[in-house]
Amino acid sequence: MAHLPNAGLYNIFSNAVKTAAATILPDEDVLRGMTKATKKWTLTYVDQPNGVCMISDTLQGGFLGLKQTADVEMTGAIYLSGDQQRWILKKAGDDYTISQMVNGEERFWYLAGLGDMIKTSSSEDKQTWEFELTS
């Protein structure tokens, strides 16, 4: 697989909605695209050659994932939870797509607009994300 970011601490920025960083607001557990609200995320790999990784909250703990409830498919908004869900990073130009397999379909991170929840969407709505290394 093409070069992927090394495991480490990152800010994650949307390329579809400029200036939007993936963050979780105080008193929420849902991932949003907010300006000037960077949050450090810890990227760890389960299978780096295939881009399989987990993304966790560096300061508070917890992992990014999709909620699953009875009779509801694991799609929609991305939340911070205790579940160690796996994501797939793929090189796309200078940046990366972030996806997860849901019921046999690859679902990609998607941000409609500034302040909105980051959700998973079909491959037609594939967006790219920049991983900015932090210290």
N, C-alpha and C. Protein backbone atom coordinates (compact mmCIF):
# COMPACT_ATOMS: atom_id res chain seq x y z
N MET A 1 0.85 -1.18 0.00
CA MET A 1 0.00 0.00 0.00
C MET A 1 0.90 1.23 0.00
N ALA A 2 0.42 2.31 -0.65
CA ALA A 2 1.17 3.56 -0.72
C ALA A 2 1.49 4.07 0.68
N HIS A 3 2.42 4.98 0.75
CA HIS A 3 2.88 5.51 2.04
C HIS A 3 1.72 6.04 2.87
N LEU A 4 1.66 5.59 4.09
CA LEU A 4 0.65 6.04 5.05
C LEU A 4 1.33 6.81 6.16
N PRO A 5 0.59 7.65 6.89
CA PRO A 5 1.22 8.35 8.01
C PRO A 5 1.69 7.34 9.05
N ASN A 6 2.79 7.64 9.69
CA ASN A 6 3.28 6.77 10.76
C ASN A 6 2.34 6.84 11.95
N ALA A 7 2.38 5.82 12.79
CA ALA A 7 1.63 5.87 14.04
C ALA A 7 2.11 7.09 14.82
N GLY A 8 1.19 7.77 15.48
CA GLY A 8 1.58 8.96 16.23
C GLY A 8 0.40 9.84 16.55
N LEU A 9 0.71 11.09 16.95
CA LEU A 9 -0.32 12.07 17.33
C LEU A 9 -0.57 13.01 16.16
N TYR A 10 -1.86 13.21 15.83
CA TYR A 10 -2.22 14.01 14.66
C TYR A 10 -3.43 14.90 14.93
N ASN A 11 -3.48 16.02 14.19
CA ASN A 11 -4.72 16.74 13.95
C ASN A 11 -5.21 16.21 12.61
N ILE A 12 -6.52 16.08 12.44
CA ILE A 12 -7.08 15.56 11.20
C ILE A 12 -7.95 16.65 10.59
N PHE A 13 -7.61 17.08 9.36
CA PHE A 13 -8.31 18.17 8.68
C PHE A 13 -9.04 17.67 7.44
N SER A 14 -10.22 18.23 7.20
CA SER A 14 -11.01 17.93 6.01
C SER A 14 -10.43 18.68 4.82
N ASN A 15 -10.40 18.04 3.65
CA ASN A 15 -10.04 18.73 2.42
C ASN A 15 -11.27 19.22 1.68
N ALA A 16 -12.43 18.68 2.01
CA ALA A 16 -13.68 19.10 1.36
C ALA A 16 -14.21 20.39 1.96
N VAL A 17 -14.04 20.54 3.27
CA VAL A 17 -14.49 21.75 3.97
C VAL A 17 -13.24 22.38 4.59
N LYS A 18 -12.66 23.32 3.86
CA LYS A 18 -11.38 23.91 4.28
C LYS A 18 -11.48 24.51 5.68
N THR A 19 -10.46 24.40 6.43
CA THR A 19 -10.29 24.86 7.82
C THR A 19 -11.01 23.98 8.83
N ALA A 20 -11.74 22.96 8.40
CA ALA A 20 -12.47 22.10 9.34
C ALA A 20 -11.55 21.00 9.87
N ALA A 21 -11.47 20.92 11.19
CA ALA A 21 -10.69 19.88 11.86
C ALA A 21 -11.65 18.91 12.53
N ALA A 22 -11.30 17.64 12.53
CA ALA A 22 -12.11 16.63 13.22
C ALA A 22 -11.94 16.83 14.72
N THR A 23 -13.05 17.11 15.40
CA THR A 23 -12.98 17.36 16.84
C THR A 23 -14.28 16.93 17.52
N ILE A 24 -14.22 16.85 18.82
CA ILE A 24 -15.41 16.57 19.63
C ILE A 24 -15.55 17.73 20.60
N LEU A 25 -16.72 18.35 20.59
CA LEU A 25 -16.97 19.50 21.46
C LEU A 25 -17.18 19.05 22.90
N PRO A 26 -16.94 19.93 23.87
CA PRO A 26 -17.19 19.59 25.27
C PRO A 26 -18.64 19.13 25.47
N ASP A 27 -18.84 18.14 26.29
CA ASP A 27 -20.16 17.60 26.61
C ASP A 27 -20.82 16.89 25.44
N GLU A 28 -20.06 16.54 24.39
CA GLU A 28 -20.58 15.74 23.28
C GLU A 28 -19.70 14.52 23.09
N ASP A 29 -20.20 13.56 22.33
CA ASP A 29 -19.38 12.40 21.99
C ASP A 29 -19.37 12.15 20.49
N VAL A 30 -19.90 13.10 19.70
CA VAL A 30 -19.97 12.94 18.26
C VAL A 30 -18.85 13.75 17.59
N LEU A 31 -18.29 13.19 16.52
CA LEU A 31 -17.21 13.84 15.78
C LEU A 31 -17.78 14.91 14.86
N ARG A 32 -17.21 16.10 14.91
CA ARG A 32 -17.66 17.22 14.08
C ARG A 32 -16.48 17.84 13.34
N GLY A 33 -16.80 18.57 12.28
CA GLY A 33 -15.80 19.35 11.55
C GLY A 33 -15.89 20.79 11.98
N MET A 34 -14.96 21.23 12.81
CA MET A 34 -15.00 22.58 13.38
C MET A 34 -13.72 23.34 13.02
N THR A 35 -13.86 24.63 12.81
CA THR A 35 -12.69 25.46 12.55
C THR A 35 -12.01 25.84 13.86
N LYS A 36 -10.69 25.93 13.80
CA LYS A 36 -9.88 26.33 14.96
C LYS A 36 -10.19 25.51 16.21
N ALA A 37 -10.57 24.30 16.04
CA ALA A 37 -10.89 23.44 17.19
C ALA A 37 -10.13 22.13 17.06
N THR A 38 -8.83 22.23 16.86
CA THR A 38 -8.05 21.02 16.65
C THR A 38 -8.01 20.17 17.90
N LYS A 39 -7.95 18.89 17.67
CA LYS A 39 -7.91 17.91 18.75
C LYS A 39 -6.85 16.89 18.37
N LYS A 40 -6.02 16.53 19.30
CA LYS A 40 -5.00 15.53 19.00
C LYS A 40 -5.62 14.14 19.03
N TRP A 41 -5.37 13.40 17.96
CA TRP A 41 -5.82 12.02 17.84
C TRP A 41 -4.61 11.12 17.78
N THR A 42 -4.70 9.96 18.40
CA THR A 42 -3.62 8.98 18.35
C THR A 42 -3.96 7.95 17.29
N LEU A 43 -3.08 7.84 16.31
CA LEU A 43 -3.22 6.86 15.23
C LEU A 43 -2.36 5.66 15.57
N THR A 44 -2.98 4.48 15.67
CA THR A 44 -2.25 3.23 15.88
C THR A 44 -2.68 2.25 14.80
N TYR A 45 -1.77 1.39 14.41
CA TYR A 45 -2.06 0.42 13.35
C TYR A 45 -2.26 -0.97 13.91
N VAL A 46 -3.23 -1.65 13.32
CA VAL A 46 -3.47 -3.07 13.58
C VAL A 46 -2.77 -3.87 12.47
N ASP A 47 -2.80 -3.31 11.24
CA ASP A 47 -2.21 -3.94 10.06
C ASP A 47 -1.76 -2.80 9.13
N GLN A 48 -0.59 -2.22 9.39
CA GLN A 48 -0.16 -1.04 8.64
C GLN A 48 -0.03 -1.29 7.14
N PRO A 49 0.50 -2.43 6.67
CA PRO A 49 0.60 -2.62 5.22
C PRO A 49 -0.75 -2.49 4.50
N ASN A 50 -1.83 -2.81 5.18
CA ASN A 50 -3.16 -2.70 4.58
C ASN A 50 -3.94 -1.48 5.08
N GLY A 51 -3.28 -0.61 5.84
CA GLY A 51 -3.90 0.62 6.30
C GLY A 51 -4.93 0.46 7.39
N VAL A 52 -4.99 -0.70 8.03
CA VAL A 52 -5.99 -0.94 9.08
C VAL A 52 -5.50 -0.33 10.38
N CYS A 53 -6.31 0.59 10.94
CA CYS A 53 -5.86 1.35 12.09
C CYS A 53 -6.99 1.60 13.07
N MET A 54 -6.63 2.19 14.20
CA MET A 54 -7.60 2.70 15.17
C MET A 54 -7.22 4.14 15.45
N ILE A 55 -8.23 4.97 15.71
CA ILE A 55 -8.01 6.38 16.01
C ILE A 55 -8.62 6.65 17.38
N SER A 56 -7.79 7.11 18.30
CA SER A 56 -8.27 7.32 19.67
C SER A 56 -8.02 8.75 20.13
N ASP A 57 -8.79 9.15 21.14
CA ASP A 57 -8.66 10.47 21.75
C ASP A 57 -7.41 10.46 22.62
N THR A 58 -6.44 11.28 22.26
CA THR A 58 -5.15 11.29 22.93
C THR A 58 -5.25 11.64 24.41
N LEU A 59 -6.08 12.61 24.75
CA LEU A 59 -6.13 13.09 26.13
C LEU A 59 -7.15 12.37 26.99
N GLN A 60 -8.32 12.05 26.44
CA GLN A 60 -9.40 11.48 27.25
C GLN A 60 -9.59 9.98 27.08
N GLY A 61 -8.92 9.39 26.11
CA GLY A 61 -9.13 7.98 25.84
C GLY A 61 -10.38 7.77 25.00
N GLY A 62 -10.70 6.54 24.70
CA GLY A 62 -11.83 6.24 23.84
C GLY A 62 -11.40 6.22 22.38
N PHE A 63 -12.18 5.53 21.56
CA PHE A 63 -11.86 5.33 20.15
C PHE A 63 -12.98 5.86 19.27
N LEU A 64 -12.62 6.28 18.05
CA LEU A 64 -13.64 6.71 17.10
C LEU A 64 -14.26 5.48 16.47
N GLY A 65 -15.58 5.50 16.34
CA GLY A 65 -16.28 4.37 15.74
C GLY A 65 -17.73 4.70 15.46
N LEU A 66 -18.44 3.71 14.95
CA LEU A 66 -19.86 3.83 14.66
C LEU A 66 -20.63 3.14 15.76
N LYS A 67 -21.73 3.74 16.16
CA LYS A 67 -22.57 3.12 17.19
C LYS A 67 -23.42 2.03 16.54
N GLN A 68 -23.61 0.95 17.25
CA GLN A 68 -24.50 -0.11 16.78
C GLN A 68 -25.52 -0.38 17.86
N THR A 69 -26.78 -0.27 17.47
CA THR A 69 -27.86 -0.59 18.39
C THR A 69 -28.72 -1.65 17.74
N ALA A 70 -29.56 -2.28 18.51
CA ALA A 70 -30.41 -3.34 17.98
C ALA A 70 -31.21 -2.83 16.79
N ASP A 71 -31.22 -3.61 15.73
CA ASP A 71 -31.98 -3.33 14.51
C ASP A 71 -31.54 -2.06 13.78
N VAL A 72 -30.37 -1.54 14.08
CA VAL A 72 -29.87 -0.36 13.38
C VAL A 72 -28.50 -0.69 12.80
N GLU A 73 -28.34 -0.42 11.51
CA GLU A 73 -27.05 -0.67 10.87
C GLU A 73 -25.99 0.28 11.40
N MET A 74 -24.75 -0.14 11.34
CA MET A 74 -23.64 0.70 11.79
C MET A 74 -23.27 1.68 10.69
N THR A 75 -24.07 2.70 10.52
CA THR A 75 -23.78 3.78 9.58
C THR A 75 -24.11 5.08 10.26
N GLY A 76 -23.82 6.17 9.61
CA GLY A 76 -24.17 7.46 10.18
C GLY A 76 -23.00 8.13 10.84
N ALA A 77 -23.30 8.86 11.90
CA ALA A 77 -22.30 9.69 12.56
C ALA A 77 -21.22 8.86 13.25
N ILE A 78 -20.05 9.46 13.38
CA ILE A 78 -18.91 8.83 14.05
C ILE A 78 -18.85 9.36 15.48
N TYR A 79 -18.68 8.46 16.42
CA TYR A 79 -18.71 8.80 17.84
C TYR A 79 -17.43 8.36 18.53
N LEU A 80 -17.19 8.93 19.70
CA LEU A 80 -16.13 8.48 20.58
C LEU A 80 -16.73 7.44 21.51
N SER A 81 -16.13 6.27 21.54
CA SER A 81 -16.68 5.20 22.37
C SER A 81 -15.54 4.36 22.93
N GLY A 82 -15.90 3.35 23.70
CA GLY A 82 -14.91 2.44 24.25
C GLY A 82 -14.56 1.32 23.29
N ASP A 83 -15.34 1.17 22.22
CA ASP A 83 -15.10 0.10 21.25
C ASP A 83 -13.87 0.41 20.41
N GLN A 84 -12.98 -0.55 20.30
CA GLN A 84 -11.77 -0.38 19.50
C GLN A 84 -12.07 -0.74 18.05
N GLN A 85 -12.84 0.11 17.38
CA GLN A 85 -13.21 -0.16 15.99
C GLN A 85 -12.05 0.17 15.06
N ARG A 86 -12.02 -0.54 13.96
CA ARG A 86 -10.94 -0.40 13.00
C ARG A 86 -11.38 0.44 11.81
N TRP A 87 -10.46 1.25 11.32
CA TRP A 87 -10.66 2.08 10.14
C TRP A 87 -9.62 1.70 9.10
N ILE A 88 -9.88 2.06 7.85
CA ILE A 88 -8.95 1.77 6.76
C ILE A 88 -8.47 3.10 6.18
N LEU A 89 -7.17 3.33 6.21
CA LEU A 89 -6.57 4.51 5.58
C LEU A 89 -6.06 4.11 4.21
N LYS A 90 -6.36 4.96 3.20
CA LYS A 90 -5.83 4.75 1.85
C LYS A 90 -5.31 6.07 1.33
N LYS A 91 -4.15 6.01 0.69
CA LYS A 91 -3.56 7.20 0.08
C LYS A 91 -4.44 7.64 -1.08
N ALA A 92 -4.73 8.95 -1.14
CA ALA A 92 -5.53 9.53 -2.22
C ALA A 92 -4.93 10.89 -2.55
N GLY A 93 -4.09 10.95 -3.58
CA GLY A 93 -3.38 12.19 -3.88
C GLY A 93 -2.37 12.46 -2.78
N ASP A 94 -2.41 13.67 -2.22
CA ASP A 94 -1.49 14.04 -1.14
C ASP A 94 -2.03 13.66 0.23
N ASP A 95 -3.29 13.23 0.29
CA ASP A 95 -3.93 12.98 1.57
C ASP A 95 -4.49 11.56 1.62
N TYR A 96 -5.54 11.34 2.44
CA TYR A 96 -6.01 9.98 2.70
C TYR A 96 -7.53 9.92 2.79
N THR A 97 -8.08 8.78 2.40
CA THR A 97 -9.47 8.50 2.72
C THR A 97 -9.47 7.69 4.01
N ILE A 98 -10.55 7.81 4.76
CA ILE A 98 -10.72 7.06 6.01
C ILE A 98 -12.05 6.32 5.88
N SER A 99 -12.02 5.00 6.00
CA SER A 99 -13.24 4.23 5.77
C SER A 99 -13.36 3.06 6.73
N GLN A 100 -14.51 2.43 6.67
CA GLN A 100 -14.79 1.24 7.47
C GLN A 100 -15.72 0.35 6.65
N MET A 101 -15.53 -0.94 6.74
CA MET A 101 -16.43 -1.88 6.06
C MET A 101 -17.67 -2.07 6.92
N VAL A 102 -18.86 -1.82 6.33
CA VAL A 102 -20.13 -1.95 7.02
C VAL A 102 -21.04 -2.80 6.15
N ASN A 103 -21.39 -3.98 6.64
CA ASN A 103 -22.26 -4.90 5.90
C ASN A 103 -21.78 -5.11 4.47
N GLY A 104 -20.47 -5.31 4.31
CA GLY A 104 -19.89 -5.60 3.01
C GLY A 104 -19.68 -4.39 2.12
N GLU A 105 -19.98 -3.19 2.60
CA GLU A 105 -19.81 -1.97 1.81
C GLU A 105 -18.80 -1.06 2.51
N GLU A 106 -17.87 -0.52 1.73
CA GLU A 106 -16.92 0.42 2.29
C GLU A 106 -17.58 1.79 2.45
N ARG A 107 -17.54 2.33 3.69
CA ARG A 107 -18.17 3.61 4.02
C ARG A 107 -17.08 4.60 4.43
N PHE A 108 -17.11 5.79 3.85
CA PHE A 108 -16.04 6.78 3.99
C PHE A 108 -16.46 7.96 4.85
N TRP A 109 -15.47 8.54 5.57
CA TRP A 109 -15.73 9.76 6.33
C TRP A 109 -16.23 10.83 5.37
N TYR A 110 -17.27 11.55 5.80
CA TYR A 110 -17.89 12.59 4.96
C TYR A 110 -18.33 13.75 5.84
N LEU A 111 -17.94 14.96 5.46
CA LEU A 111 -18.34 16.17 6.17
C LEU A 111 -19.08 17.07 5.19
N ALA A 112 -20.37 17.35 5.46
CA ALA A 112 -21.19 18.16 4.56
C ALA A 112 -20.85 19.64 4.68
N GLY A 113 -20.62 20.13 5.90
CA GLY A 113 -20.34 21.54 6.08
C GLY A 113 -19.72 21.82 7.44
N LEU A 114 -19.17 22.99 7.58
CA LEU A 114 -18.52 23.39 8.82
C LEU A 114 -19.50 23.30 9.99
N GLY A 115 -19.10 22.65 11.06
CA GLY A 115 -19.94 22.48 12.24
C GLY A 115 -20.79 21.23 12.22
N ASP A 116 -20.89 20.58 11.05
CA ASP A 116 -21.71 19.37 10.94
C ASP A 116 -21.00 18.16 11.54
N MET A 117 -21.80 17.12 11.81
CA MET A 117 -21.24 15.85 12.26
C MET A 117 -20.51 15.19 11.09
N ILE A 118 -19.40 14.55 11.38
CA ILE A 118 -18.71 13.75 10.38
C ILE A 118 -19.39 12.40 10.37
N LYS A 119 -19.81 11.97 9.19
CA LYS A 119 -20.56 10.72 9.05
C LYS A 119 -19.83 9.79 8.10
N THR A 120 -20.35 8.59 7.97
CA THR A 120 -19.84 7.70 6.94
C THR A 120 -20.81 7.74 5.77
N SER A 121 -20.25 7.64 4.57
CA SER A 121 -21.06 7.74 3.37
C SER A 121 -20.52 6.77 2.32
N SER A 122 -21.29 6.55 1.28
CA SER A 122 -20.89 5.61 0.22
C SER A 122 -19.69 6.15 -0.55
N SER A 123 -19.13 5.30 -1.38
CA SER A 123 -17.92 5.66 -2.11
C SER A 123 -18.12 6.83 -3.07
N GLU A 124 -19.37 7.11 -3.48
CA GLU A 124 -19.61 8.24 -4.38
C GLU A 124 -19.29 9.56 -3.69
N ASP A 125 -19.39 9.58 -2.36
CA ASP A 125 -19.16 10.80 -1.58
C ASP A 125 -17.80 10.78 -0.87
N LYS A 126 -16.87 10.05 -1.42
CA LYS A 126 -15.55 9.89 -0.80
C LYS A 126 -14.84 11.24 -0.68
N GLN A 127 -14.34 11.55 0.51
CA GLN A 127 -13.57 12.78 0.75
C GLN A 127 -12.19 12.41 1.27
N THR A 128 -11.25 13.35 1.15
CA THR A 128 -9.91 13.09 1.66
C THR A 128 -9.65 13.95 2.90
N TRP A 129 -8.71 13.46 3.69
CA TRP A 129 -8.39 14.06 4.99
C TRP A 129 -6.88 14.18 5.12
N GLU A 130 -6.44 15.27 5.72
CA GLU A 130 -5.02 15.52 5.96
C GLU A 130 -4.67 15.17 7.40
N PHE A 131 -3.60 14.42 7.57
CA PHE A 131 -3.09 14.09 8.90
C PHE A 131 -1.89 14.99 9.17
N GLU A 132 -2.05 15.92 10.12
CA GLU A 132 -0.99 16.86 10.47
C GLU A 132 -0.35 16.40 11.77
N LEU A 133 0.91 16.02 11.69
CA LEU A 133 1.65 15.52 12.85
C LEU A 133 1.76 16.61 13.91
N THR A 134 1.49 16.25 15.16
CA THR A 134 1.63 17.19 16.27
C THR A 134 2.66 16.64 17.25
N SER A 135 3.02 17.45 18.22
CA SER A 135 4.00 16.96 19.20
C SER A 135 3.37 16.85 20.56
